Amino acid sequence: MWNNKTNIVLIGMPAVGKSTVGILLAKKIGFDFLDTDIIIQTSEGTTLSRIIDKTGVTEFLKTEEKYCLSINGTNKVIATGGSVVYSRKAMAHLGKNGRIIYLETDLKPLKKRLSALDSRGVIRGPGQNIDSLYFERVPLYRQFADITIACNGLTPDQVLTKISRNLTIA
């Protein structure tokens, strides 16, 4: 059962719809909406891809962790960057006051939506493609999730309905 004085944290691969669904969910339940990617970009004054290009993957992950650790309070829907699961510390912090929901999708539809990895600021190792990134991250998403929502072939409104049912939100 969901306690409406906690946060809802959305995790999952880039382009799965965390921000879109997060905005809809926040509006439905009257919570604030936070997007950690936007927090980072606004605070750093540049895009994720430029931050990654300038600082490198390891430093970007430290930056992402720092901003996630700065999120406090309750009654927030938080859409995270896809790489947040690389930080156990950030995930523990986000999970302390929140229910973590993994928006799960299969690789094939994800590949159709996620073509420009570099311009989106997707963290990955040298030469790593979407397939290997997917298979690296999925176990982490599953590990940290309180709830998993299968999103294949669903509209954002349909995903919202599934989340609402899982959290027993009217």
C-alpha atoms as a PDB file:
ATOM      1  CA  MET A   1       0.000   0.000   0.000  1.00  0.00           C
ATOM      2  CA  TRP A   2       1.252   3.435  -0.935  1.00  0.00           C
ATOM      3  CA  ASN A   3       1.659   6.175   1.648  1.00  0.00           C
ATOM      4  CA  ASN A   4       0.812   9.497   0.011  1.00  0.00           C
ATOM      5  CA  LYS A   5       3.430  11.272   2.131  1.00  0.00           C
ATOM      6  CA  THR A   6       6.266   9.559   0.295  1.00  0.00           C
ATOM      7  CA  ASN A   7       7.881  10.186  -3.048  1.00  0.00           C
ATOM      8  CA  ILE A   8       7.460   8.171  -6.210  1.00  0.00           C
ATOM      9  CA  VAL A   9      10.740   7.559  -8.033  1.00  0.00           C
ATOM     10  CA  LEU A  10      10.692   6.457 -11.668  1.00  0.00           C
ATOM     11  CA  ILE A  11      13.666   4.516 -13.019  1.00  0.00           C
ATOM     12  CA  GLY A  12      14.319   2.852 -16.357  1.00  0.00           C
ATOM     13  CA  MET A  13      16.158   3.108 -19.639  1.00  0.00           C
ATOM     14  CA  PRO A  14      16.426   6.431 -21.462  1.00  0.00           C
ATOM     15  CA  ALA A  15      13.404   7.112 -23.710  1.00  0.00           C
ATOM     16  CA  VAL A  16      11.091   4.754 -21.794  1.00  0.00           C
ATOM     17  CA  GLY A  17       8.862   7.679 -20.781  1.00  0.00           C
ATOM     18  CA  LYS A  18       9.869   8.476 -17.193  1.00  0.00           C
ATOM     19  CA  SER A  19       9.473  12.234 -17.624  1.00  0.00           C
ATOM     20  CA  THR A  20       6.248  12.063 -19.608  1.00  0.00           C
ATOM     21  CA  VAL A  21       4.605   9.613 -17.207  1.00  0.00           C
ATOM     22  CA  GLY A  22       6.075  11.451 -14.220  1.00  0.00           C
ATOM     23  CA  ILE A  23       4.444  14.733 -15.204  1.00  0.00           C
ATOM     24  CA  LEU A  24       1.084  13.008 -15.699  1.00  0.00           C
ATOM     25  CA  LEU A  25       1.367  11.202 -12.367  1.00  0.00           C
ATOM     26  CA  ALA A  26       2.381  14.345 -10.466  1.00  0.00           C
ATOM     27  CA  LYS A  27      -0.559  16.212 -11.950  1.00  0.00           C
ATOM     28  CA  LYS A  28      -2.967  13.390 -11.060  1.00  0.00           C
ATOM     29  CA  ILE A  29      -1.941  13.140  -7.402  1.00  0.00           C
ATOM     30  CA  GLY A  30      -0.988  16.779  -6.767  1.00  0.00           C
ATOM     31  CA  PHE A  31       2.723  16.173  -6.184  1.00  0.00           C
ATOM     32  CA  ASP A  32       5.688  18.245  -7.299  1.00  0.00           C
ATOM     33  CA  PHE A  33       7.537  16.875 -10.330  1.00  0.00           C
ATOM     34  CA  LEU A  34      11.320  16.673 -10.466  1.00  0.00           C
ATOM     35  CA  ASP A  35      13.409  15.470 -13.379  1.00  0.00           C
ATOM     36  CA  THR A  36      16.977  14.815 -12.248  1.00  0.00           C
ATOM     37  CA  ASP A  37      18.341  15.344 -15.766  1.00  0.00           C
ATOM     38  CA  ILE A  38      16.766  18.810 -15.879  1.00  0.00           C
ATOM     39  CA  ILE A  39      18.032  19.604 -12.371  1.00  0.00           C
ATOM     40  CA  ILE A  40      21.564  18.713 -13.479  1.00  0.00           C
ATOM     41  CA  GLN A  41      21.342  20.677 -16.751  1.00  0.00           C
ATOM     42  CA  THR A  42      19.864  23.750 -15.064  1.00  0.00           C
ATOM     43  CA  SER A  43      22.360  23.701 -12.196  1.00  0.00           C
ATOM     44  CA  GLU A  44      25.356  23.078 -14.459  1.00  0.00           C
ATOM     45  CA  GLY A  45      24.172  25.501 -17.150  1.00  0.00           C
ATOM     46  CA  THR A  46      24.598  23.100 -20.067  1.00  0.00           C
ATOM     47  CA  THR A  47      23.273  19.894 -21.614  1.00  0.00           C
ATOM     48  CA  LEU A  48      23.963  16.395 -20.322  1.00  0.00           C
ATOM     49  CA  SER A  49      25.897  15.485 -23.459  1.00  0.00           C
ATOM     50  CA  ARG A  50      28.185  18.517 -23.026  1.00  0.00           C
ATOM     51  CA  ILE A  51      28.753  17.688 -19.363  1.00  0.00           C
ATOM     52  CA  ILE A  52      29.678  14.113 -20.295  1.00  0.00           C
ATOM     53  CA  ASP A  53      31.964  15.303 -23.121  1.00  0.00           C
ATOM     54  CA  LYS A  54      33.689  17.796 -20.823  1.00  0.00           C
ATOM     55  CA  THR A  55      34.029  15.744 -17.618  1.00  0.00           C
ATOM     56  CA  GLY A  56      33.824  12.126 -18.751  1.00  0.00           C
ATOM     57  CA  VAL A  57      31.568   9.311 -17.616  1.00  0.00           C
ATOM     58  CA  THR A  58      33.013   8.825 -14.119  1.00  0.00           C
ATOM     59  CA  GLU A  59      32.740  12.504 -13.196  1.00  0.00           C
ATOM     60  CA  PHE A  60      29.256  12.765 -14.665  1.00  0.00           C
ATOM     61  CA  LEU A  61      28.113   9.832 -12.517  1.00  0.00           C
ATOM     62  CA  LYS A  62      29.508  11.627  -9.443  1.00  0.00           C
ATOM     63  CA  THR A  63      27.624  14.769 -10.466  1.00  0.00           C
ATOM     64  CA  GLU A  64      24.407  12.811 -10.966  1.00  0.00           C
ATOM     65  CA  GLU A  65      24.837  11.186  -7.565  1.00  0.00           C
ATOM     66  CA  LYS A  66      25.442  14.570  -5.898  1.00  0.00           C
ATOM     67  CA  TYR A  67      22.222  16.034  -7.290  1.00  0.00           C
ATOM     68  CA  CYS A  68      20.177  12.938  -6.420  1.00  0.00           C
ATOM     69  CA  LEU A  69      21.514  13.034  -2.859  1.00  0.00           C
ATOM     70  CA  SER A  70      20.388  16.676  -2.600  1.00  0.00           C
ATOM     71  CA  ILE A  71      16.725  15.763  -3.168  1.00  0.00           C
ATOM     72  CA  ASN A  72      14.860  15.865   0.125  1.00  0.00           C
ATOM     73  CA  GLY A  73      11.288  16.083   1.289  1.00  0.00           C
ATOM     74  CA  THR A  74       8.178  14.210   0.305  1.00  0.00           C
ATOM     75  CA  ASN A  75       5.228  14.465  -2.070  1.00  0.00           C
ATOM     76  CA  LYS A  76       7.373  14.429  -5.188  1.00  0.00           C
ATOM     77  CA  VAL A  77       7.353  12.395  -8.367  1.00  0.00           C
ATOM     78  CA  ILE A  78      10.986  12.060  -9.390  1.00  0.00           C
ATOM     79  CA  ALA A  79      12.012  11.031 -12.905  1.00  0.00           C
ATOM     80  CA  THR A  80      15.631   9.919 -12.768  1.00  0.00           C
ATOM     81  CA  GLY A  81      18.300   9.687 -15.415  1.00  0.00           C
ATOM     82  CA  GLY A  82      18.760   6.171 -16.742  1.00  0.00           C
ATOM     83  CA  SER A  83      22.221   5.904 -15.198  1.00  0.00           C
ATOM     84  CA  VAL A  84      21.198   6.668 -11.598  1.00  0.00           C
ATOM     85  CA  VAL A  85      21.192   2.921 -10.821  1.00  0.00           C
ATOM     86  CA  TYR A  86      24.982   2.909 -11.032  1.00  0.00           C
ATOM     87  CA  SER A  87      24.987   4.692  -7.655  1.00  0.00           C
ATOM     88  CA  ARG A  88      23.885   2.519  -4.742  1.00  0.00           C
ATOM     89  CA  LYS A  89      24.157   5.596  -2.536  1.00  0.00           C
ATOM     90  CA  ALA A  90      21.752   7.633  -4.706  1.00  0.00           C
ATOM     91  CA  MET A  91      19.299   4.742  -4.992  1.00  0.00           C
ATOM     92  CA  ALA A  92      19.314   4.192  -1.216  1.00  0.00           C
ATOM     93  CA  HIS A  93      18.682   7.909  -0.681  1.00  0.00           C
ATOM     94  CA  LEU A  94      15.836   8.046  -3.210  1.00  0.00           C
ATOM     95  CA  GLY A  95      14.312   4.854  -1.838  1.00  0.00           C
ATOM     96  CA  LYS A  96      14.460   6.057   1.777  1.00  0.00           C
ATOM     97  CA  ASN A  97      11.444   8.348   1.288  1.00  0.00           C
ATOM     98  CA  GLY A  98      10.004   6.853  -1.851  1.00  0.00           C
ATOM     99  CA  ARG A  99       8.599   3.955  -3.773  1.00  0.00           C
ATOM    100  CA  ILE A 100      10.835   3.077  -6.709  1.00  0.00           C
ATOM    101  CA  ILE A 101       8.980   2.161  -9.879  1.00  0.00           C
ATOM    102  CA  TYR A 102      10.836   0.582 -12.789  1.00  0.00           C
ATOM    103  CA  LEU A 103       9.285   1.410 -16.153  1.00  0.00           C
ATOM    104  CA  GLU A 104      10.282  -1.695 -18.066  1.00  0.00           C
ATOM    105  CA  THR A 105      10.366  -2.056 -21.825  1.00  0.00           C
ATOM    106  CA  ASP A 106      11.771  -4.613 -24.218  1.00  0.00           C
ATOM    107  CA  LEU A 107      14.888  -3.834 -26.191  1.00  0.00           C
ATOM    108  CA  LYS A 108      13.296  -3.791 -29.655  1.00  0.00           C
ATOM    109  CA  PRO A 109      10.822  -0.922 -29.074  1.00  0.00           C
ATOM    110  CA  LEU A 110      13.440   0.934 -27.066  1.00  0.00           C
ATOM    111  CA  LYS A 111      15.865   0.838 -29.997  1.00  0.00           C
ATOM    112  CA  LYS A 112      13.245   2.505 -32.201  1.00  0.00           C
ATOM    113  CA  ARG A 113      12.856   5.388 -29.744  1.00  0.00           C
ATOM    114  CA  LEU A 114      16.483   5.716 -28.696  1.00  0.00           C
ATOM    115  CA  SER A 115      18.646   6.273 -31.725  1.00  0.00           C
ATOM    116  CA  ALA A 116      20.889   9.228 -30.855  1.00  0.00           C
ATOM    117  CA  LEU A 117      22.710   8.052 -27.734  1.00  0.00           C
ATOM    118  CA  ASP A 118      25.324  10.813 -27.793  1.00  0.00           C
ATOM    119  CA  SER A 119      23.004  13.771 -28.268  1.00  0.00           C
ATOM    120  CA  ARG A 120      20.697  12.492 -25.506  1.00  0.00           C
ATOM    121  CA  GLY A 121      23.561  12.336 -23.048  1.00  0.00           C
ATOM    122  CA  VAL A 122      23.278   8.602 -22.440  1.00  0.00           C
ATOM    123  CA  ILE A 123      26.058   7.319 -20.205  1.00  0.00           C
ATOM    124  CA  ARG A 124      27.858   4.296 -21.588  1.00  0.00           C
ATOM    125  CA  GLY A 125      31.296   2.798 -21.885  1.00  0.00           C
ATOM    126  CA  PRO A 126      33.561   3.295 -24.903  1.00  0.00           C
ATOM    127  CA  GLY A 127      32.043   1.566 -27.924  1.00  0.00           C
ATOM    128  CA  GLN A 128      29.056   0.352 -25.897  1.00  0.00           C
ATOM    129  CA  ASN A 129      25.876   0.053 -27.949  1.00  0.00           C
ATOM    130  CA  ILE A 130      22.244   0.130 -26.850  1.00  0.00           C
ATOM    131  CA  ASP A 131      22.030  -3.674 -26.651  1.00  0.00           C
ATOM    132  CA  SER A 132      24.900  -4.104 -24.202  1.00  0.00           C
ATOM    133  CA  LEU A 133      23.779  -1.047 -22.220  1.00  0.00           C
ATOM    134  CA  TYR A 134      20.288  -2.523 -21.910  1.00  0.00           C
ATOM    135  CA  PHE A 135      21.544  -5.901 -20.693  1.00  0.00           C
ATOM    136  CA  GLU A 136      23.906  -4.193 -18.235  1.00  0.00           C
ATOM    137  CA  ARG A 137      21.238  -1.954 -16.705  1.00  0.00           C
ATOM    138  CA  VAL A 138      18.125  -4.148 -16.598  1.00  0.00           C
ATOM    139  CA  PRO A 139      19.361  -6.248 -13.635  1.00  0.00           C
ATOM    140  CA  LEU A 140      20.110  -3.022 -11.732  1.00  0.00           C
ATOM    141  CA  TYR A 141      16.654  -1.600 -12.406  1.00  0.00           C
ATOM    142  CA  ARG A 142      15.080  -4.841 -11.232  1.00  0.00           C
ATOM    143  CA  GLN A 143      17.264  -4.924  -8.130  1.00  0.00           C
ATOM    144  CA  PHE A 144      16.228  -1.458  -6.953  1.00  0.00           C
ATOM    145  CA  ALA A 145      12.545  -1.546  -7.982  1.00  0.00           C
ATOM    146  CA  ASP A 146       9.733  -1.827  -5.483  1.00  0.00           C
ATOM    147  CA  ILE A 147       7.300  -2.108  -8.388  1.00  0.00           C
ATOM    148  CA  THR A 148       7.888  -3.005 -12.046  1.00  0.00           C
ATOM    149  CA  ILE A 149       5.512  -1.702 -14.696  1.00  0.00           C
ATOM    150  CA  ALA A 150       5.668  -3.385 -18.116  1.00  0.00           C
ATOM    151  CA  CYS A 151       5.319  -0.546 -20.627  1.00  0.00           C
ATOM    152  CA  ASN A 152       5.549  -2.376 -23.974  1.00  0.00           C
ATOM    153  CA  GLY A 153       3.024  -1.023 -26.452  1.00  0.00           C
ATOM    154  CA  LEU A 154       1.346   1.226 -23.872  1.00  0.00           C
ATOM    155  CA  THR A 155       0.580   4.920 -24.103  1.00  0.00           C
ATOM    156  CA  PRO A 156       1.691   7.201 -21.261  1.00  0.00           C
ATOM    157  CA  ASP A 157      -1.920   7.282 -20.009  1.00  0.00           C
ATOM    158  CA  GLN A 158      -2.036   3.478 -19.943  1.00  0.00           C
ATOM    159  CA  VAL A 159       1.248   3.369 -17.995  1.00  0.00           C
ATOM    160  CA  LEU A 160      -0.232   5.929 -15.580  1.00  0.00           C
ATOM    161  CA  THR A 161      -3.267   3.679 -15.081  1.00  0.00           C
ATOM    162  CA  LYS A 162      -1.025   0.703 -14.292  1.00  0.00           C
ATOM    163  CA  ILE A 163       0.971   2.743 -11.775  1.00  0.00           C
ATOM    164  CA  SER A 164      -2.216   4.015 -10.170  1.00  0.00           C
ATOM    165  CA  ARG A 165      -3.521   0.464  -9.772  1.00  0.00           C
ATOM    166  CA  ASN A 166      -0.239  -0.700  -8.256  1.00  0.00           C
ATOM    167  CA  LEU A 167      -0.186   2.166  -5.785  1.00  0.00           C
ATOM    168  CA  THR A 168      -3.969   2.049  -5.238  1.00  0.00           C
ATOM    169  CA  ILE A 169      -4.423   5.669  -6.269  1.00  0.00           C
ATOM    170  CA  ALA A 170      -7.993   6.586  -7.143  1.00  0.00           C
END
